[in-house]
Amino acid sequence: MVMQANRKTGETALDVVNAVVGVCLALSPWVLGFGAMASAAWSAWVAGVLIALVAIGALVAFAQWEEWANMVLGVLTLLSPWLLGFASSAEAMTVHVAAGLIVAVLAAAELWFAHNRSVTSA
């Protein structure tokens, strides 16, 4: 496990961005007007809250499992329009794909930084 003290500001910023993306995803059904689409709205609310909570947890006490969890949540969010059948809604699909892609890529980058940091410091 990599401790918080070893993280650089840029690495911590990735978790801040993921937390913000999670909050934005959770608010998107109201902001973008797809709150009446149950599967899309519930997907945004649940995934957004989980992404934000995991990212905040990583800010408080970093552990690599948190980044793996956010990467999985990001991929599931990215695929959810097709898995849950709301790909026909442009707003819902766009926000899920964008948020999922951002979260998954940033979590993968954080894992890459954590792995390279532990390899170079050994």
Foldseek 3Di string as FASTA:
>chain_A
DDWPVLDDPVLLVLLVVQLVLLVCLLCQCVVVVVCVVVQLNVLSNVLSVLSNVLSVVCNVTNDLVSLVVQLVSLVCLLCSCVVVVPCVDPSSNVSSNVSSVSSNVSSVVSVVVVVVSVVVVD
